[in-house]
All heavy atoms as atom14 arrays in JSON, in Angstrom:
{
  "sequence": "FAVVPKVAGLAVLIKFMFIPFSNILSEWQLIIIFISIASMILGAVAAI",
  "atom14_mask": [
    [1, 1, 1, 1, 1, 1, 1, 1, 1, 1, 1, 0, 0, 0],
    [1, 1, 1, 1, 1, 0, 0, 0, 0, 0, 0, 0, 0, 0],
    [1, 1, 1, 1, 1, 1, 1, 0, 0, 0, 0, 0, 0, 0],
    [1, 1, 1, 1, 1, 1, 1, 0, 0, 0, 0, 0, 0, 0],
    [1, 1, 1, 1, 1, 1, 1, 0, 0, 0, 0, 0, 0, 0],
    [1, 1, 1, 1, 1, 1, 1, 1, 1, 0, 0, 0, 0, 0],
    [1, 1, 1, 1, 1, 1, 1, 0, 0, 0, 0, 0, 0, 0],
    [1, 1, 1, 1, 1, 0, 0, 0, 0, 0, 0, 0, 0, 0],
    [1, 1, 1, 1, 0, 0, 0, 0, 0, 0, 0, 0, 0, 0],
    [1, 1, 1, 1, 1, 1, 1, 1, 0, 0, 0, 0, 0, 0],
    [1, 1, 1, 1, 1, 0, 0, 0, 0, 0, 0, 0, 0, 0],
    [1, 1, 1, 1, 1, 1, 1, 0, 0, 0, 0, 0, 0, 0],
    [1, 1, 1, 1, 1, 1, 1, 1, 0, 0, 0, 0, 0, 0],
    [1, 1, 1, 1, 1, 1, 1, 1, 0, 0, 0, 0, 0, 0],
    [1, 1, 1, 1, 1, 1, 1, 1, 1, 0, 0, 0, 0, 0],
    [1, 1, 1, 1, 1, 1, 1, 1, 1, 1, 1, 0, 0, 0],
    [1, 1, 1, 1, 1, 1, 1, 1, 0, 0, 0, 0, 0, 0],
    [1, 1, 1, 1, 1, 1, 1, 1, 1, 1, 1, 0, 0, 0],
    [1, 1, 1, 1, 1, 1, 1, 1, 0, 0, 0, 0, 0, 0],
    [1, 1, 1, 1, 1, 1, 1, 0, 0, 0, 0, 0, 0, 0],
    [1, 1, 1, 1, 1, 1, 1, 1, 1, 1, 1, 0, 0, 0],
    [1, 1, 1, 1, 1, 1, 0, 0, 0, 0, 0, 0, 0, 0],
    [1, 1, 1, 1, 1, 1, 1, 1, 0, 0, 0, 0, 0, 0],
    [1, 1, 1, 1, 1, 1, 1, 1, 0, 0, 0, 0, 0, 0],
    [1, 1, 1, 1, 1, 1, 1, 1, 0, 0, 0, 0, 0, 0],
    [1, 1, 1, 1, 1, 1, 0, 0, 0, 0, 0, 0, 0, 0],
    [1, 1, 1, 1, 1, 1, 1, 1, 1, 0, 0, 0, 0, 0],
    [1, 1, 1, 1, 1, 1, 1, 1, 1, 1, 1, 1, 1, 1],
    [1, 1, 1, 1, 1, 1, 1, 1, 1, 0, 0, 0, 0, 0],
    [1, 1, 1, 1, 1, 1, 1, 1, 0, 0, 0, 0, 0, 0],
    [1, 1, 1, 1, 1, 1, 1, 1, 0, 0, 0, 0, 0, 0],
    [1, 1, 1, 1, 1, 1, 1, 1, 0, 0, 0, 0, 0, 0],
    [1, 1, 1, 1, 1, 1, 1, 1, 0, 0, 0, 0, 0, 0],
    [1, 1, 1, 1, 1, 1, 1, 1, 1, 1, 1, 0, 0, 0],
    [1, 1, 1, 1, 1, 1, 1, 1, 0, 0, 0, 0, 0, 0],
    [1, 1, 1, 1, 1, 1, 0, 0, 0, 0, 0, 0, 0, 0],
    [1, 1, 1, 1, 1, 1, 1, 1, 0, 0, 0, 0, 0, 0],
    [1, 1, 1, 1, 1, 0, 0, 0, 0, 0, 0, 0, 0, 0],
    [1, 1, 1, 1, 1, 1, 0, 0, 0, 0, 0, 0, 0, 0],
    [1, 1, 1, 1, 1, 1, 1, 1, 0, 0, 0, 0, 0, 0],
    [1, 1, 1, 1, 1, 1, 1, 1, 0, 0, 0, 0, 0, 0],
    [1, 1, 1, 1, 1, 1, 1, 1, 0, 0, 0, 0, 0, 0],
    [1, 1, 1, 1, 0, 0, 0, 0, 0, 0, 0, 0, 0, 0],
    [1, 1, 1, 1, 1, 0, 0, 0, 0, 0, 0, 0, 0, 0],
    [1, 1, 1, 1, 1, 1, 1, 0, 0, 0, 0, 0, 0, 0],
    [1, 1, 1, 1, 1, 0, 0, 0, 0, 0, 0, 0, 0, 0],
    [1, 1, 1, 1, 1, 0, 0, 0, 0, 0, 0, 0, 0, 0],
    [1, 1, 1, 1, 1, 1, 1, 1, 0, 0, 0, 0, 0, 0]
  ],
  "atom14_positions": [
    [[3.41, -17.68, 1.51], [2.95, -16.57, 0.67], [2.19, -15.52, 1.48], [2.32, -14.33, 1.25], [2.03, -17.1, -0.44], [2.73, -17.48, -1.7], [3.36, -18.7, -1.82], [2.76, -16.62, -2.78], [4.0, -19.07, -2.98], [3.4, -16.97, -3.96], [4.03, -18.2, -4.07], [0.0, 0.0, 0.0], [0.0, 0.0, 0.0], [0.0, 0.0, 0.0]],
    [[1.39, -15.99, 2.44], [0.52, -15.09, 3.19], [1.29, -14.24, 4.19], [0.79, -13.2, 4.62], [-0.53, -15.92, 3.94], [0.0, 0.0, 0.0], [0.0, 0.0, 0.0], [0.0, 0.0, 0.0], [0.0, 0.0, 0.0], [0.0, 0.0, 0.0], [0.0, 0.0, 0.0], [0.0, 0.0, 0.0], [0.0, 0.0, 0.0], [0.0, 0.0, 0.0]],
    [[2.48, -14.66, 4.55], [3.2, -13.99, 5.63], [4.48, -13.29, 5.15], [4.58, -12.06, 5.19], [3.55, -15.0, 6.75], [4.36, -14.32, 7.84], [2.28, -15.61, 7.34], [0.0, 0.0, 0.0], [0.0, 0.0, 0.0], [0.0, 0.0, 0.0], [0.0, 0.0, 0.0], [0.0, 0.0, 0.0], [0.0, 0.0, 0.0], [0.0, 0.0, 0.0]],
    [[5.45, -14.06, 4.67], [6.8, -13.53, 4.49], [6.93, -12.52, 3.35], [7.46, -11.42, 3.57], [7.82, -14.68, 4.35], [9.24, -14.13, 4.35], [7.65, -15.68, 5.5], [0.0, 0.0, 0.0], [0.0, 0.0, 0.0], [0.0, 0.0, 0.0], [0.0, 0.0, 0.0], [0.0, 0.0, 0.0], [0.0, 0.0, 0.0], [0.0, 0.0, 0.0]],
    [[6.48, -12.82, 2.11], [6.61, -11.81, 1.05], [5.86, -10.52, 1.34], [6.27, -9.45, 0.88], [6.02, -12.52, -0.18], [6.12, -13.98, 0.12], [5.91, -14.09, 1.6], [0.0, 0.0, 0.0], [0.0, 0.0, 0.0], [0.0, 0.0, 0.0], [0.0, 0.0, 0.0], [0.0, 0.0, 0.0], [0.0, 0.0, 0.0], [0.0, 0.0, 0.0]],
    [[4.77, -10.61, 2.14], [4.03, -9.4, 2.51], [4.91, -8.46, 3.34], [4.87, -7.24, 3.18], [2.8, -9.78, 3.33], [1.72, -10.54, 2.58], [0.82, -9.6, 1.81], [-0.47, -10.28, 1.39], [-0.3, -11.5, 0.61], [0.0, 0.0, 0.0], [0.0, 0.0, 0.0], [0.0, 0.0, 0.0], [0.0, 0.0, 0.0], [0.0, 0.0, 0.0]],
    [[5.71, -9.05, 4.23], [6.61, -8.25, 5.08], [7.62, -7.51, 4.22], [7.81, -6.29, 4.36], [7.32, -9.15, 6.12], [8.35, -8.34, 6.9], [6.32, -9.8, 7.06], [0.0, 0.0, 0.0], [0.0, 0.0, 0.0], [0.0, 0.0, 0.0], [0.0, 0.0, 0.0], [0.0, 0.0, 0.0], [0.0, 0.0, 0.0], [0.0, 0.0, 0.0]],
    [[8.28, -8.24, 3.31], [9.29, -7.63, 2.44], [8.65, -6.59, 1.52], [9.22, -5.51, 1.3], [9.99, -8.71, 1.63], [0.0, 0.0, 0.0], [0.0, 0.0, 0.0], [0.0, 0.0, 0.0], [0.0, 0.0, 0.0], [0.0, 0.0, 0.0], [0.0, 0.0, 0.0], [0.0, 0.0, 0.0], [0.0, 0.0, 0.0], [0.0, 0.0, 0.0]],
    [[7.46, -6.91, 0.98], [6.79, -5.99, 0.07], [6.43, -4.68, 0.75], [6.64, -3.59, 0.18], [0.0, 0.0, 0.0], [0.0, 0.0, 0.0], [0.0, 0.0, 0.0], [0.0, 0.0, 0.0], [0.0, 0.0, 0.0], [0.0, 0.0, 0.0], [0.0, 0.0, 0.0], [0.0, 0.0, 0.0], [0.0, 0.0, 0.0], [0.0, 0.0, 0.0]],
    [[5.89, -4.75, 1.97], [5.53, -3.52, 2.68], [6.77, -2.73, 3.07], [6.77, -1.49, 3.01], [4.71, -3.86, 3.94], [4.13, -2.63, 4.64], [3.0, -2.02, 3.82], [3.65, -2.96, 6.04], [0.0, 0.0, 0.0], [0.0, 0.0, 0.0], [0.0, 0.0, 0.0], [0.0, 0.0, 0.0], [0.0, 0.0, 0.0], [0.0, 0.0, 0.0]],
    [[7.85, -3.43, 3.43], [9.1, -2.74, 3.78], [9.61, -1.91, 2.61], [10.0, -0.74, 2.77], [10.16, -3.76, 4.21], [0.0, 0.0, 0.0], [0.0, 0.0, 0.0], [0.0, 0.0, 0.0], [0.0, 0.0, 0.0], [0.0, 0.0, 0.0], [0.0, 0.0, 0.0], [0.0, 0.0, 0.0], [0.0, 0.0, 0.0], [0.0, 0.0, 0.0]],
    [[9.58, -2.5, 1.42], [10.06, -1.8, 0.22], [9.12, -0.65, -0.13], [9.57, 0.44, -0.51], [10.18, -2.8, -0.96], [10.46, -2.05, -2.25], [11.29, -3.81, -0.69], [0.0, 0.0, 0.0], [0.0, 0.0, 0.0], [0.0, 0.0, 0.0], [0.0, 0.0, 0.0], [0.0, 0.0, 0.0], [0.0, 0.0, 0.0], [0.0, 0.0, 0.0]],
    [[7.82, -0.88, 0.01], [6.85, 0.17, -0.29], [7.08, 1.38, 0.61], [7.1, 2.53, 0.14], [5.43, -0.38, -0.09], [4.28, 0.47, -0.6], [4.31, 0.57, -2.11], [2.95, -0.1, -0.15], [0.0, 0.0, 0.0], [0.0, 0.0, 0.0], [0.0, 0.0, 0.0], [0.0, 0.0, 0.0], [0.0, 0.0, 0.0], [0.0, 0.0, 0.0]],
    [[7.28, 1.14, 1.9], [7.55, 2.23, 2.85], [8.85, 2.92, 2.48], [8.94, 4.16, 2.5], [7.6, 1.69, 4.29], [6.21, 1.26, 4.75], [8.16, 2.75, 5.25], [6.19, 0.54, 6.09], [0.0, 0.0, 0.0], [0.0, 0.0, 0.0], [0.0, 0.0, 0.0], [0.0, 0.0, 0.0], [0.0, 0.0, 0.0], [0.0, 0.0, 0.0]],
    [[9.87, 2.14, 2.11], [11.17, 2.73, 1.78], [11.06, 3.62, 0.54], [11.63, 4.72, 0.51], [12.19, 1.61, 1.53], [13.57, 2.13, 1.2], [14.61, 1.03, 1.26], [15.39, 1.09, 2.54], [16.59, 0.25, 2.55], [0.0, 0.0, 0.0], [0.0, 0.0, 0.0], [0.0, 0.0, 0.0], [0.0, 0.0, 0.0], [0.0, 0.0, 0.0]],
    [[10.31, 3.19, -0.48], [10.12, 4.02, -1.68], [9.4, 5.32, -1.34], [9.76, 6.4, -1.83], [9.33, 3.25, -2.75], [10.2, 2.56, -3.76], [10.56, 1.24, -3.6], [10.65, 3.23, -4.88], [11.35, 0.59, -4.53], [11.45, 2.61, -5.83], [11.8, 1.28, -5.65], [0.0, 0.0, 0.0], [0.0, 0.0, 0.0], [0.0, 0.0, 0.0]],
    [[8.37, 5.24, -0.5], [7.62, 6.44, -0.14], [8.44, 7.37, 0.75], [8.32, 8.6, 0.65], [6.33, 6.06, 0.6], [5.37, 5.17, -0.17], [4.85, 5.83, -1.76], [5.78, 4.82, -2.89], [0.0, 0.0, 0.0], [0.0, 0.0, 0.0], [0.0, 0.0, 0.0], [0.0, 0.0, 0.0], [0.0, 0.0, 0.0], [0.0, 0.0, 0.0]],
    [[9.29, 6.78, 1.59], [10.04, 7.56, 2.57], [11.29, 8.22, 1.99], [11.69, 9.29, 2.43], [10.43, 6.65, 3.75], [11.13, 7.37, 4.87], [10.5, 8.37, 5.59], [12.44, 7.05, 5.21], [11.13, 9.04, 6.62], [13.1, 7.7, 6.25], [12.43, 8.71, 6.95], [0.0, 0.0, 0.0], [0.0, 0.0, 0.0], [0.0, 0.0, 0.0]],
    [[11.89, 7.57, 0.97], [13.15, 8.13, 0.43], [12.96, 8.71, -0.97], [12.83, 9.93, -1.11], [14.3, 7.1, 0.48], [14.5, 6.59, 1.92], [15.61, 7.72, -0.03], [15.55, 5.51, 2.07], [0.0, 0.0, 0.0], [0.0, 0.0, 0.0], [0.0, 0.0, 0.0], [0.0, 0.0, 0.0], [0.0, 0.0, 0.0], [0.0, 0.0, 0.0]],
    [[12.9, 7.9, -2.06], [12.89, 8.52, -3.39], [11.64, 9.36, -3.67], [11.72, 10.37, -4.36], [12.99, 7.34, -4.34], [12.59, 6.14, -3.56], [12.97, 6.43, -2.16], [0.0, 0.0, 0.0], [0.0, 0.0, 0.0], [0.0, 0.0, 0.0], [0.0, 0.0, 0.0], [0.0, 0.0, 0.0], [0.0, 0.0, 0.0], [0.0, 0.0, 0.0]],
    [[10.46, 8.95, -3.13], [9.23, 9.67, -3.45], [8.76, 10.6, -2.33], [7.62, 11.07, -2.35], [8.1, 8.67, -3.77], [8.39, 7.79, -4.95], [7.88, 6.5, -5.02], [9.16, 8.23, -6.02], [8.14, 5.68, -6.1], [9.44, 7.43, -7.11], [8.92, 6.14, -7.15], [0.0, 0.0, 0.0], [0.0, 0.0, 0.0], [0.0, 0.0, 0.0]],
    [[9.64, 10.89, -1.39], [9.23, 11.69, -0.23], [8.85, 13.12, -0.61], [8.04, 13.76, 0.07], [10.36, 11.72, 0.81], [11.55, 12.25, 0.24], [0.0, 0.0, 0.0], [0.0, 0.0, 0.0], [0.0, 0.0, 0.0], [0.0, 0.0, 0.0], [0.0, 0.0, 0.0], [0.0, 0.0, 0.0], [0.0, 0.0, 0.0], [0.0, 0.0, 0.0]],
    [[9.43, 13.62, -1.69], [9.17, 15.01, -2.08], [7.98, 15.18, -3.02], [7.68, 16.29, -3.45], [10.42, 15.61, -2.73], [11.58, 15.72, -1.74], [11.39, 16.11, -0.6], [12.77, 15.33, -2.16], [0.0, 0.0, 0.0], [0.0, 0.0, 0.0], [0.0, 0.0, 0.0], [0.0, 0.0, 0.0], [0.0, 0.0, 0.0], [0.0, 0.0, 0.0]],
    [[7.33, 14.07, -3.39], [6.14, 14.17, -4.26], [4.95, 13.51, -3.56], [4.17, 12.77, -4.18], [6.39, 13.56, -5.65], [6.94, 12.13, -5.55], [7.32, 14.43, -6.47], [6.98, 11.4, -6.89], [0.0, 0.0, 0.0], [0.0, 0.0, 0.0], [0.0, 0.0, 0.0], [0.0, 0.0, 0.0], [0.0, 0.0, 0.0], [0.0, 0.0, 0.0]],
    [[4.81, 13.78, -2.27], [3.75, 13.18, -1.46], [2.38, 13.42, -2.07], [1.54, 12.51, -2.14], [3.81, 13.75, -0.03], [2.63, 13.43, 0.89], [2.55, 11.95, 1.16], [2.75, 14.2, 2.2], [0.0, 0.0, 0.0], [0.0, 0.0, 0.0], [0.0, 0.0, 0.0], [0.0, 0.0, 0.0], [0.0, 0.0, 0.0], [0.0, 0.0, 0.0]],
    [[2.12, 14.65, -2.52], [0.79, 14.98, -3.04], [0.44, 14.17, -4.28], [-0.74, 13.93, -4.55], [0.71, 16.47, -3.36], [1.72, 16.84, -4.28], [0.0, 0.0, 0.0], [0.0, 0.0, 0.0], [0.0, 0.0, 0.0], [0.0, 0.0, 0.0], [0.0, 0.0, 0.0], [0.0, 0.0, 0.0], [0.0, 0.0, 0.0], [0.0, 0.0, 0.0]],
    [[1.47, 13.72, -5.03], [1.23, 12.96, -6.26], [0.87, 11.49, -5.97], [0.04, 10.92, -6.66], [2.46, 13.0, -7.18], [2.53, 14.21, -8.08], [3.03, 15.44, -7.34], [3.48, 15.29, -6.18], [2.96, 16.55, -7.91], [0.0, 0.0, 0.0], [0.0, 0.0, 0.0], [0.0, 0.0, 0.0], [0.0, 0.0, 0.0], [0.0, 0.0, 0.0]],
    [[1.5, 10.89, -4.95], [1.23, 9.46, -4.71], [0.24, 9.2, -3.59], [-0.29, 8.09, -3.47], [2.51, 8.68, -4.45], [3.37, 9.09, -3.28], [4.53, 9.81, -3.33], [3.17, 8.78, -1.89], [5.05, 9.98, -2.07], [4.24, 9.35, -1.16], [2.19, 8.1, -1.17], [4.36, 9.24, 0.22], [2.29, 7.99, 0.21], [3.38, 8.55, 0.89]],
    [[-0.07, 10.21, -2.79], [-0.93, 9.98, -1.62], [-2.33, 9.5, -2.03], [-2.86, 8.54, -1.46], [-1.03, 11.25, -0.79], [-1.7, 11.02, 0.57], [-1.61, 12.25, 1.46], [-1.77, 13.38, 1.0], [-1.36, 12.05, 2.74], [0.0, 0.0, 0.0], [0.0, 0.0, 0.0], [0.0, 0.0, 0.0], [0.0, 0.0, 0.0], [0.0, 0.0, 0.0]],
    [[-2.92, 10.14, -3.03], [-4.27, 9.76, -3.46], [-4.28, 8.34, -4.04], [-5.28, 7.61, -3.87], [-4.79, 10.75, -4.51], [-5.41, 12.04, -3.96], [-5.8, 12.96, -5.09], [-6.61, 11.74, -3.07], [0.0, 0.0, 0.0], [0.0, 0.0, 0.0], [0.0, 0.0, 0.0], [0.0, 0.0, 0.0], [0.0, 0.0, 0.0], [0.0, 0.0, 0.0]],
    [[-3.2, 7.96, -4.71], [-3.12, 6.6, -5.27], [-3.13, 5.57, -4.15], [-3.87, 4.58, -4.19], [-1.85, 6.44, -6.14], [-1.87, 7.43, -7.31], [-1.72, 5.01, -6.65], [-0.58, 7.46, -8.1], [0.0, 0.0, 0.0], [0.0, 0.0, 0.0], [0.0, 0.0, 0.0], [0.0, 0.0, 0.0], [0.0, 0.0, 0.0], [0.0, 0.0, 0.0]],
    [[-2.3, 5.8, -3.12], [-2.23, 4.87, -1.99], [-3.57, 4.84, -1.24], [-4.02, 3.76, -0.81], [-1.09, 5.25, -1.03], [0.27, 5.17, -1.73], [-1.09, 4.35, 0.2], [0.71, 3.78, -2.08], [0.0, 0.0, 0.0], [0.0, 0.0, 0.0], [0.0, 0.0, 0.0], [0.0, 0.0, 0.0], [0.0, 0.0, 0.0], [0.0, 0.0, 0.0]],
    [[-4.21, 5.99, -1.09], [-5.52, 6.03, -0.42], [-6.53, 5.19, -1.18], [-7.29, 4.4, -0.6], [-6.02, 7.49, -0.28], [-5.17, 8.24, 0.75], [-7.5, 7.53, 0.11], [-5.47, 9.73, 0.82], [0.0, 0.0, 0.0], [0.0, 0.0, 0.0], [0.0, 0.0, 0.0], [0.0, 0.0, 0.0], [0.0, 0.0, 0.0], [0.0, 0.0, 0.0]],
    [[-6.55, 5.33, -2.53], [-7.48, 4.55, -3.34], [-7.21, 3.05, -3.2], [-8.14, 2.25, -3.0], [-7.37, 4.95, -4.81], [-8.07, 3.99, -5.75], [-9.46, 4.02, -5.86], [-7.35, 3.05, -6.47], [-10.12, 3.13, -6.7], [-8.0, 2.15, -7.31], [-9.38, 2.19, -7.42], [0.0, 0.0, 0.0], [0.0, 0.0, 0.0], [0.0, 0.0, 0.0]],
    [[-5.94, 2.66, -3.3], [-5.57, 1.24, -3.18], [-5.95, 0.71, -1.79], [-6.46, -0.41, -1.66], [-4.06, 1.05, -3.44], [-3.72, 1.35, -4.91], [-3.61, -0.36, -3.09], [-2.24, 1.34, -5.21], [0.0, 0.0, 0.0], [0.0, 0.0, 0.0], [0.0, 0.0, 0.0], [0.0, 0.0, 0.0], [0.0, 0.0, 0.0], [0.0, 0.0, 0.0]],
    [[-5.72, 1.51, -0.77], [-6.04, 1.12, 0.6], [-7.55, 0.89, 0.77], [-7.99, -0.14, 1.29], [-5.55, 2.18, 1.58], [-6.0, 1.91, 2.89], [0.0, 0.0, 0.0], [0.0, 0.0, 0.0], [0.0, 0.0, 0.0], [0.0, 0.0, 0.0], [0.0, 0.0, 0.0], [0.0, 0.0, 0.0], [0.0, 0.0, 0.0], [0.0, 0.0, 0.0]],
    [[-8.34, 1.87, 0.32], [-9.8, 1.77, 0.45], [-10.34, 0.58, -0.34], [-11.16, -0.21, 0.16], [-10.48, 3.08, -0.01], [-10.18, 4.2, 0.98], [-11.98, 2.9, -0.18], [-10.65, 5.57, 0.53], [0.0, 0.0, 0.0], [0.0, 0.0, 0.0], [0.0, 0.0, 0.0], [0.0, 0.0, 0.0], [0.0, 0.0, 0.0], [0.0, 0.0, 0.0]],
    [[-9.87, 0.43, -1.59], [-10.33, -0.67, -2.44], [-9.98, -2.02, -1.82], [-10.79, -2.96, -1.84], [-9.71, -0.55, -3.83], [0.0, 0.0, 0.0], [0.0, 0.0, 0.0], [0.0, 0.0, 0.0], [0.0, 0.0, 0.0], [0.0, 0.0, 0.0], [0.0, 0.0, 0.0], [0.0, 0.0, 0.0], [0.0, 0.0, 0.0], [0.0, 0.0, 0.0]],
    [[-8.8, -2.13, -1.24], [-8.37, -3.39, -0.61], [-9.21, -3.71, 0.62], [-9.61, -4.86, 0.84], [-6.88, -3.32, -0.23], [-6.06, -3.13, -1.35], [0.0, 0.0, 0.0], [0.0, 0.0, 0.0], [0.0, 0.0, 0.0], [0.0, 0.0, 0.0], [0.0, 0.0, 0.0], [0.0, 0.0, 0.0], [0.0, 0.0, 0.0], [0.0, 0.0, 0.0]],
    [[-9.47, -2.68, 1.44], [-10.27, -2.9, 2.65], [-11.69, -3.33, 2.29], [-12.24, -4.26, 2.9], [-10.31, -1.62, 3.5], [-9.0, -1.3, 4.18], [-9.11, 0.05, 5.38], [-9.29, 1.48, 4.31], [0.0, 0.0, 0.0], [0.0, 0.0, 0.0], [0.0, 0.0, 0.0], [0.0, 0.0, 0.0], [0.0, 0.0, 0.0], [0.0, 0.0, 0.0]],
    [[-12.28, -2.68, 1.28], [-13.66, -3.0, 0.9], [-13.75, -4.4, 0.29], [-14.6, -5.21, 0.67], [-14.22, -1.95, -0.08], [-14.39, -0.6, 0.64], [-15.55, -2.4, -0.68], [-14.76, 0.55, -0.28], [0.0, 0.0, 0.0], [0.0, 0.0, 0.0], [0.0, 0.0, 0.0], [0.0, 0.0, 0.0], [0.0, 0.0, 0.0], [0.0, 0.0, 0.0]],
    [[-12.86, -4.71, -0.66], [-12.91, -6.02, -1.3], [-12.62, -7.13, -0.29], [-13.29, -8.16, -0.28], [-11.9, -6.1, -2.45], [-12.0, -7.43, -3.19], [-12.87, -7.31, -4.43], [-10.64, -7.96, -3.59], [0.0, 0.0, 0.0], [0.0, 0.0, 0.0], [0.0, 0.0, 0.0], [0.0, 0.0, 0.0], [0.0, 0.0, 0.0], [0.0, 0.0, 0.0]],
    [[-11.62, -6.91, 0.57], [-11.27, -7.91, 1.57], [-12.42, -8.19, 2.52], [-12.6, -9.33, 2.98], [0.0, 0.0, 0.0], [0.0, 0.0, 0.0], [0.0, 0.0, 0.0], [0.0, 0.0, 0.0], [0.0, 0.0, 0.0], [0.0, 0.0, 0.0], [0.0, 0.0, 0.0], [0.0, 0.0, 0.0], [0.0, 0.0, 0.0], [0.0, 0.0, 0.0]],
    [[-13.24, -7.15, 2.81], [-14.36, -7.32, 3.74], [-15.55, -8.0, 3.07], [-16.19, -8.86, 3.66], [-14.78, -5.96, 4.29], [0.0, 0.0, 0.0], [0.0, 0.0, 0.0], [0.0, 0.0, 0.0], [0.0, 0.0, 0.0], [0.0, 0.0, 0.0], [0.0, 0.0, 0.0], [0.0, 0.0, 0.0], [0.0, 0.0, 0.0], [0.0, 0.0, 0.0]],
    [[-15.84, -7.6, 1.83], [-17.05, -8.08, 1.15], [-16.87, -9.45, 0.51], [-17.7, -10.35, 0.67], [-17.53, -7.04, 0.11], [-18.72, -7.57, -0.68], [-17.87, -5.72, 0.78], [0.0, 0.0, 0.0], [0.0, 0.0, 0.0], [0.0, 0.0, 0.0], [0.0, 0.0, 0.0], [0.0, 0.0, 0.0], [0.0, 0.0, 0.0], [0.0, 0.0, 0.0]],
    [[-15.77, -9.62, -0.22], [-15.59, -10.85, -1.0], [-15.39, -12.08, -0.12], [-15.71, -13.19, -0.53], [-14.39, -10.7, -1.95], [0.0, 0.0, 0.0], [0.0, 0.0, 0.0], [0.0, 0.0, 0.0], [0.0, 0.0, 0.0], [0.0, 0.0, 0.0], [0.0, 0.0, 0.0], [0.0, 0.0, 0.0], [0.0, 0.0, 0.0], [0.0, 0.0, 0.0]],
    [[-14.87, -11.9, 1.08], [-14.61, -13.05, 1.96], [-15.89, -13.64, 2.53], [-15.9, -14.8, 2.95], [-13.68, -12.63, 3.1], [0.0, 0.0, 0.0], [0.0, 0.0, 0.0], [0.0, 0.0, 0.0], [0.0, 0.0, 0.0], [0.0, 0.0, 0.0], [0.0, 0.0, 0.0], [0.0, 0.0, 0.0], [0.0, 0.0, 0.0], [0.0, 0.0, 0.0]],
    [[-16.98, -12.89, 2.51], [-18.23, -13.34, 3.14], [-18.75, -14.63, 2.49], [-19.27, -15.51, 3.17], [-19.3, -12.22, 3.07], [-18.87, -11.05, 3.96], [-20.67, -12.74, 3.49], [-19.77, -9.83, 3.84], [0.0, 0.0, 0.0], [0.0, 0.0, 0.0], [0.0, 0.0, 0.0], [0.0, 0.0, 0.0], [0.0, 0.0, 0.0], [0.0, 0.0, 0.0]]
  ]
}
């Protein structure tokens, strides 16, 4: 779970951003930034 599905999931996420959603960057960029920041903060704090 920790390794293989993450690889496939990120591949698909990149593909969606690069092809079908490439022309609406301004609409999804803030969402990805929020998810990224929230994941980094929770991953750092909750693991302590």
